[in-house]
């Protein structure tokens, strides 16, 4: 299982190539199973580190809100 630092580094590398990535991109970057990759990206989206910009079942992720901050009004 990758550490939080390894996950952050993988996200940075993926987003350096283009402004979004798929779960498959994330999966292959970290050599994860499909199930685990979906679980991790869902947790990161829930935490606000990633933002799902896909439509329907197509999961595309971009950088979320600033790390550690939430958008509350």
C-alpha atoms as a PDB file:
ATOM      1  CA  UNK A   1       0.000   0.000   0.000  1.00  0.00           C
ATOM      2  CA  UNK A   2       1.346   3.437  -0.882  1.00  0.00           C
ATOM      3  CA  UNK A   3       2.024   6.045   1.770  1.00  0.00           C
ATOM      4  CA  UNK A   4       0.321   9.431   1.793  1.00  0.00           C
ATOM      5  CA  UNK A   5       3.541  10.999   0.460  1.00  0.00           C
ATOM      6  CA  UNK A   6       3.679   8.502  -2.419  1.00  0.00           C
ATOM      7  CA  UNK A   7       0.041   9.217  -3.275  1.00  0.00           C
ATOM      8  CA  UNK A   8       0.651  12.986  -3.232  1.00  0.00           C
ATOM      9  CA  UNK A   9       3.727  12.560  -5.436  1.00  0.00           C
ATOM     10  CA  UNK A  10       1.795  10.393  -7.919  1.00  0.00           C
ATOM     11  CA  UNK A  11      -1.000  12.982  -8.124  1.00  0.00           C
ATOM     12  CA  UNK A  12       1.543  15.757  -8.691  1.00  0.00           C
ATOM     13  CA  UNK A  13       3.205  13.756 -11.465  1.00  0.00           C
ATOM     14  CA  UNK A  14      -0.104  12.982 -13.167  1.00  0.00           C
ATOM     15  CA  UNK A  15      -1.295  16.595 -12.982  1.00  0.00           C
ATOM     16  CA  UNK A  16       2.042  17.856 -14.325  1.00  0.00           C
ATOM     17  CA  UNK A  17       1.270  16.054 -17.602  1.00  0.00           C
ATOM     18  CA  UNK A  18      -2.317  17.339 -18.003  1.00  0.00           C
ATOM     19  CA  UNK A  19      -4.925  19.120 -15.831  1.00  0.00           C
ATOM     20  CA  UNK A  20      -6.869  15.921 -15.045  1.00  0.00           C
ATOM     21  CA  UNK A  21      -6.387  12.166 -14.768  1.00  0.00           C
ATOM     22  CA  UNK A  22      -8.455   8.991 -14.706  1.00  0.00           C
ATOM     23  CA  UNK A  23      -8.590   6.322 -12.037  1.00  0.00           C
ATOM     24  CA  UNK A  24      -6.748   4.062 -14.475  1.00  0.00           C
ATOM     25  CA  UNK A  25      -3.934   6.635 -14.772  1.00  0.00           C
ATOM     26  CA  UNK A  26      -3.736   6.764 -10.959  1.00  0.00           C
ATOM     27  CA  UNK A  27      -3.866   2.987 -10.724  1.00  0.00           C
ATOM     28  CA  UNK A  28      -0.980   2.441 -13.117  1.00  0.00           C
ATOM     29  CA  UNK A  29       1.107   5.249 -11.590  1.00  0.00           C
ATOM     30  CA  UNK A  30       1.041   3.488  -8.206  1.00  0.00           C
ATOM     31  CA  UNK A  31       0.621  -0.117  -9.396  1.00  0.00           C
ATOM     32  CA  UNK A  32      -2.687  -0.583  -7.530  1.00  0.00           C
ATOM     33  CA  UNK A  33      -5.622  -2.890  -8.044  1.00  0.00           C
ATOM     34  CA  UNK A  34      -8.654  -1.328  -9.713  1.00  0.00           C
ATOM     35  CA  UNK A  35     -10.744  -1.661  -6.534  1.00  0.00           C
ATOM     36  CA  UNK A  36      -8.121  -0.057  -4.312  1.00  0.00           C
ATOM     37  CA  UNK A  37      -7.510   2.784  -6.791  1.00  0.00           C
ATOM     38  CA  UNK A  38     -11.239   3.621  -6.857  1.00  0.00           C
ATOM     39  CA  UNK A  39     -11.378   3.485  -3.059  1.00  0.00           C
ATOM     40  CA  UNK A  40      -8.374   5.810  -2.621  1.00  0.00           C
ATOM     41  CA  UNK A  41      -9.548   8.353  -5.212  1.00  0.00           C
ATOM     42  CA  UNK A  42     -13.027   8.401  -3.634  1.00  0.00           C
ATOM     43  CA  UNK A  43     -11.479   9.059  -0.204  1.00  0.00           C
ATOM     44  CA  UNK A  44      -9.277  11.825  -1.629  1.00  0.00           C
ATOM     45  CA  UNK A  45     -12.306  13.419  -3.313  1.00  0.00           C
ATOM     46  CA  UNK A  46     -14.291  13.242  -0.087  1.00  0.00           C
ATOM     47  CA  UNK A  47     -11.394  14.902   1.750  1.00  0.00           C
ATOM     48  CA  UNK A  48     -11.300  17.669  -0.874  1.00  0.00           C
ATOM     49  CA  UNK A  49      -7.828  16.857  -2.232  1.00  0.00           C
ATOM     50  CA  UNK A  50      -9.320  15.806  -5.580  1.00  0.00           C
ATOM     51  CA  UNK A  51     -12.366  16.992  -7.485  1.00  0.00           C
ATOM     52  CA  UNK A  52     -14.359  14.677  -9.770  1.00  0.00           C
ATOM     53  CA  UNK A  53     -14.900  16.550 -13.047  1.00  0.00           C
ATOM     54  CA  UNK A  54     -16.189  13.543 -14.955  1.00  0.00           C
ATOM     55  CA  UNK A  55     -19.736  12.939 -16.104  1.00  0.00           C
ATOM     56  CA  UNK A  56     -21.740   9.918 -14.962  1.00  0.00           C
ATOM     57  CA  UNK A  57     -19.632   6.816 -14.553  1.00  0.00           C
ATOM     58  CA  UNK A  58     -16.571   8.449 -16.132  1.00  0.00           C
ATOM     59  CA  UNK A  59     -14.307   9.470 -13.286  1.00  0.00           C
ATOM     60  CA  UNK A  60     -11.916  12.294 -14.152  1.00  0.00           C
ATOM     61  CA  UNK A  61     -10.069  13.965 -11.331  1.00  0.00           C
ATOM     62  CA  UNK A  62      -8.515  17.415 -10.994  1.00  0.00           C
ATOM     63  CA  UNK A  63      -6.861  19.054  -8.014  1.00  0.00           C
ATOM     64  CA  UNK A  64      -9.379  19.802  -5.282  1.00  0.00           C
ATOM     65  CA  UNK A  65      -9.583  22.737  -2.922  1.00  0.00           C
ATOM     66  CA  UNK A  66      -6.385  23.882  -1.281  1.00  0.00           C
ATOM     67  CA  UNK A  67      -5.065  21.123   0.933  1.00  0.00           C
ATOM     68  CA  UNK A  68      -6.438  21.289   4.433  1.00  0.00           C
ATOM     69  CA  UNK A  69      -9.010  23.986   3.639  1.00  0.00           C
ATOM     70  CA  UNK A  70     -12.686  23.718   2.876  1.00  0.00           C
ATOM     71  CA  UNK A  71     -14.955  26.067   0.978  1.00  0.00           C
ATOM     72  CA  UNK A  72     -17.431  27.142   3.668  1.00  0.00           C
ATOM     73  CA  UNK A  73     -19.446  30.339   3.541  1.00  0.00           C
END
